[in-house]
Amino acid sequence: MWHGSPPDAPLDQRVNALEANLKNVEARLRSAEGTISNNERTFTYKLQQESQQRGVQVSELHRKIEAASTDGLRLAAAGAFWLAVGVVLSTASPELLALSW
């Protein structure tokens, strides 16, 4: 609430109104500073939590990617083995035929 005084009010009344207004502004400023400080703490806490959650998710994602990469390695090795056997057998047929006569 703002305290006013008429323009023709005595000096003491005007000074008292100014002091009351100054106290009001000071109280509102302290309240605003407290709110800002609380919001900053809340934001910092939430940011730290989010950072920790993202770190856990990133490490979990790395683990899943690594597992998917190494699981496919066995299948790729088996495929390469059978491909080599197929290539050898497909190119060795004339030689095998010549040996049987």
Protein backbone atom coordinates (compact mmCIF):
# COMPACT_ATOMS: atom_id res chain seq x y z
CA MET A 1 0.00 0.00 0.00
CA TRP A 2 1.30 3.42 -0.91
CA HIS A 3 1.05 6.31 1.52
CA GLY A 4 0.34 9.67 0.01
CA SER A 5 0.10 13.14 1.42
CA PRO A 6 -1.65 16.18 0.08
CA PRO A 7 0.54 18.83 -1.54
CA ASP A 8 -0.21 21.35 1.18
CA ALA A 9 0.53 18.92 4.06
CA PRO A 10 3.05 19.95 6.71
CA LEU A 11 6.61 18.79 6.33
CA ASP A 12 6.41 16.26 9.19
CA GLN A 13 3.40 14.54 7.60
CA ARG A 14 5.13 14.39 4.21
CA VAL A 15 8.33 12.98 5.74
CA ASN A 16 6.30 10.38 7.64
CA ALA A 17 4.55 9.35 4.39
CA LEU A 18 7.93 9.08 2.64
CA GLU A 19 9.33 6.95 5.47
CA ALA A 20 6.30 4.66 5.36
CA ASN A 21 6.65 4.35 1.58
CA LEU A 22 10.34 3.61 1.92
CA LYS A 23 9.66 0.88 4.48
CA ASN A 24 7.03 -0.57 2.15
CA VAL A 25 9.44 -0.58 -0.79
CA GLU A 26 12.15 -2.14 1.38
CA ALA A 27 9.79 -4.92 2.52
CA ARG A 28 8.73 -5.63 -1.06
CA LEU A 29 12.35 -5.67 -2.17
CA ARG A 30 13.29 -8.17 0.56
CA SER A 31 10.33 -10.34 -0.42
CA ALA A 32 11.37 -10.24 -4.09
CA GLU A 33 14.98 -11.08 -3.19
CA GLY A 34 13.77 -14.04 -1.11
CA THR A 35 11.60 -15.28 -3.96
CA ILE A 36 14.46 -14.95 -6.42
CA SER A 37 16.81 -16.77 -4.07
CA ASN A 38 14.30 -19.61 -3.56
CA ASN A 39 13.72 -19.88 -7.32
CA GLU A 40 17.47 -19.99 -7.93
CA ARG A 41 17.95 -22.78 -5.38
CA THR A 42 15.04 -24.74 -6.86
CA PHE A 43 16.38 -24.28 -10.39
CA THR A 44 19.90 -25.31 -9.38
CA TYR A 45 18.60 -28.41 -7.59
CA LYS A 46 16.42 -29.43 -10.55
CA LEU A 47 19.28 -28.80 -12.96
CA GLN A 48 21.59 -31.05 -10.92
CA GLN A 49 18.94 -33.77 -10.81
CA GLU A 50 18.40 -33.52 -14.58
CA SER A 51 22.14 -33.67 -15.18
CA GLN A 52 22.47 -36.79 -13.04
CA GLN A 53 19.51 -38.45 -14.79
CA ARG A 54 20.97 -37.64 -18.20
CA GLY A 55 24.33 -39.07 -17.11
CA VAL A 56 22.67 -42.32 -16.04
CA GLN A 57 20.71 -42.47 -19.30
CA VAL A 58 23.81 -41.82 -21.39
CA SER A 59 25.79 -44.56 -19.63
CA GLU A 60 22.84 -46.96 -20.05
CA LEU A 61 22.67 -46.08 -23.73
CA HIS A 62 26.41 -46.70 -24.13
CA ARG A 63 26.01 -50.07 -22.44
CA LYS A 64 23.16 -51.02 -24.77
CA ILE A 65 25.08 -49.92 -27.86
CA GLU A 66 28.13 -51.90 -26.74
CA ALA A 67 26.00 -54.96 -26.05
CA ALA A 68 24.34 -54.71 -29.46
CA SER A 69 27.71 -54.32 -31.16
CA THR A 70 29.36 -57.27 -29.45
CA ASP A 71 26.31 -59.54 -29.73
CA GLY A 72 26.37 -59.14 -33.52
CA LEU A 73 30.07 -60.01 -33.61
CA ARG A 74 29.44 -63.74 -33.09
CA LEU A 75 26.82 -63.80 -35.82
CA ALA A 76 29.15 -61.91 -38.19
CA ALA A 77 31.99 -64.37 -37.47
CA ALA A 78 29.73 -67.35 -38.18
CA GLY A 79 28.58 -65.72 -41.42
CA ALA A 80 32.17 -65.05 -42.50
CA PHE A 81 33.09 -68.68 -41.77
CA TRP A 82 30.24 -70.08 -43.87
CA LEU A 83 30.97 -67.58 -46.65
CA ALA A 84 34.59 -68.78 -46.74
CA VAL A 85 33.43 -72.43 -46.83
CA GLY A 86 31.04 -71.61 -49.67
CA VAL A 87 33.69 -69.79 -51.69
CA VAL A 88 36.16 -72.65 -51.26
CA LEU A 89 33.61 -75.28 -52.22
CA SER A 90 32.31 -73.31 -55.21
CA THR A 91 35.78 -72.79 -56.67
CA ALA A 92 37.11 -76.25 -55.80
CA SER A 93 34.49 -78.23 -57.73
CA PRO A 94 36.59 -78.64 -60.94
CA GLU A 95 39.56 -79.83 -58.87
CA LEU A 96 37.41 -82.29 -56.91
CA LEU A 97 35.96 -83.64 -60.17
CA ALA A 98 39.46 -84.12 -61.60
CA LEU A 99 40.56 -86.05 -58.50
CA SER A 100 37.65 -88.52 -58.65
CA TRP A 101 38.53 -89.86 -62.20
